[in-house]
Amino acid sequence: MTTPARPPLLCPSDQVGRCARCQQPCHRYGAGANPLCTVCLAKVREGQQKPARTG
């Protein structure tokens, strides 16, 4: 199984921290920060989508 490529960090180095889920470096502090990296955030959002209704 291959790991998805992670986008480069576009924030100052003093705003980099570890993702709360996978521990990879991400934009963790400051404006626009998130405790999850973009890959983990996408996975969480996929899981929150409601299934299509049938019938």
C-alpha atoms as a PDB file:
ATOM      1  CA  MET A   1       0.000   0.000   0.000  1.00  0.00           C
ATOM      2  CA  THR A   2       1.423   3.382  -0.941  1.00  0.00           C
ATOM      3  CA  THR A   3       1.229   6.471   1.216  1.00  0.00           C
ATOM      4  CA  PRO A   4      -0.266   9.567  -0.428  1.00  0.00           C
ATOM      5  CA  ALA A   5       2.220  12.319  -1.208  1.00  0.00           C
ATOM      6  CA  ARG A   6       2.114  15.152   1.282  1.00  0.00           C
ATOM      7  CA  PRO A   7       2.007  18.699  -0.024  1.00  0.00           C
ATOM      8  CA  PRO A   8       4.885  20.988   0.952  1.00  0.00           C
ATOM      9  CA  LEU A   9       4.385  23.182   3.996  1.00  0.00           C
ATOM     10  CA  LEU A  10       3.746  26.795   3.057  1.00  0.00           C
ATOM     11  CA  CYS A  11       3.903  28.279   6.544  1.00  0.00           C
ATOM     12  CA  PRO A  12       6.736  29.765   8.607  1.00  0.00           C
ATOM     13  CA  SER A  13       8.848  27.190  10.418  1.00  0.00           C
ATOM     14  CA  ASP A  14       7.738  28.480  13.835  1.00  0.00           C
ATOM     15  CA  GLN A  15       4.146  27.418  12.980  1.00  0.00           C
ATOM     16  CA  VAL A  16       5.013  23.809  12.153  1.00  0.00           C
ATOM     17  CA  GLY A  17       4.021  21.049  14.546  1.00  0.00           C
ATOM     18  CA  ARG A  18       3.064  17.389  14.435  1.00  0.00           C
ATOM     19  CA  CYS A  19      -0.300  16.166  13.121  1.00  0.00           C
ATOM     20  CA  ALA A  20      -2.433  14.904  16.004  1.00  0.00           C
ATOM     21  CA  ARG A  21      -3.292  11.768  14.039  1.00  0.00           C
ATOM     22  CA  CYS A  22      -0.246  10.650  12.020  1.00  0.00           C
ATOM     23  CA  GLN A  23       2.560  12.729  13.596  1.00  0.00           C
ATOM     24  CA  GLN A  24       3.762  14.138  10.253  1.00  0.00           C
ATOM     25  CA  PRO A  25       4.827  17.814  10.173  1.00  0.00           C
ATOM     26  CA  CYS A  26       1.939  20.179   9.401  1.00  0.00           C
ATOM     27  CA  HIS A  27       0.790  23.798   9.838  1.00  0.00           C
ATOM     28  CA  ARG A  28      -0.207  23.400  13.486  1.00  0.00           C
ATOM     29  CA  TYR A  29       0.091  26.910  14.978  1.00  0.00           C
ATOM     30  CA  GLY A  30      -0.898  30.444  13.997  1.00  0.00           C
ATOM     31  CA  ALA A  31      -3.501  31.761  11.563  1.00  0.00           C
ATOM     32  CA  GLY A  32      -5.063  29.084   9.378  1.00  0.00           C
ATOM     33  CA  ALA A  33      -3.589  26.260  11.429  1.00  0.00           C
ATOM     34  CA  ASN A  34      -5.186  22.872  12.031  1.00  0.00           C
ATOM     35  CA  PRO A  35      -4.300  20.035  14.445  1.00  0.00           C
ATOM     36  CA  LEU A  36      -4.516  17.614  11.485  1.00  0.00           C
ATOM     37  CA  CYS A  37      -2.416  17.551   8.328  1.00  0.00           C
ATOM     38  CA  THR A  38      -4.247  17.939   5.014  1.00  0.00           C
ATOM     39  CA  VAL A  39      -4.165  14.183   4.328  1.00  0.00           C
ATOM     40  CA  CYS A  40      -5.687  13.254   7.701  1.00  0.00           C
ATOM     41  CA  LEU A  41      -8.197  16.108   7.504  1.00  0.00           C
ATOM     42  CA  ALA A  42      -9.398  14.811   4.131  1.00  0.00           C
ATOM     43  CA  LYS A  43      -9.791  11.299   5.596  1.00  0.00           C
ATOM     44  CA  VAL A  44     -11.834  12.650   8.523  1.00  0.00           C
ATOM     45  CA  ARG A  45     -14.048  14.687   6.207  1.00  0.00           C
ATOM     46  CA  GLU A  46     -14.648  11.638   3.991  1.00  0.00           C
ATOM     47  CA  GLY A  47     -15.865   9.730   7.025  1.00  0.00           C
ATOM     48  CA  GLN A  48     -18.284  12.524   7.963  1.00  0.00           C
ATOM     49  CA  GLN A  49     -20.097  12.501   4.630  1.00  0.00           C
ATOM     50  CA  LYS A  50     -23.544  11.010   4.890  1.00  0.00           C
ATOM     51  CA  PRO A  51     -24.282   8.050   2.626  1.00  0.00           C
ATOM     52  CA  ALA A  52     -26.667   8.643  -0.251  1.00  0.00           C
ATOM     53  CA  ARG A  53     -30.263   7.778   0.517  1.00  0.00           C
ATOM     54  CA  THR A  54     -31.753   4.963  -1.474  1.00  0.00           C
ATOM     55  CA  GLY A  55     -35.399   4.414  -2.239  1.00  0.00           C
END
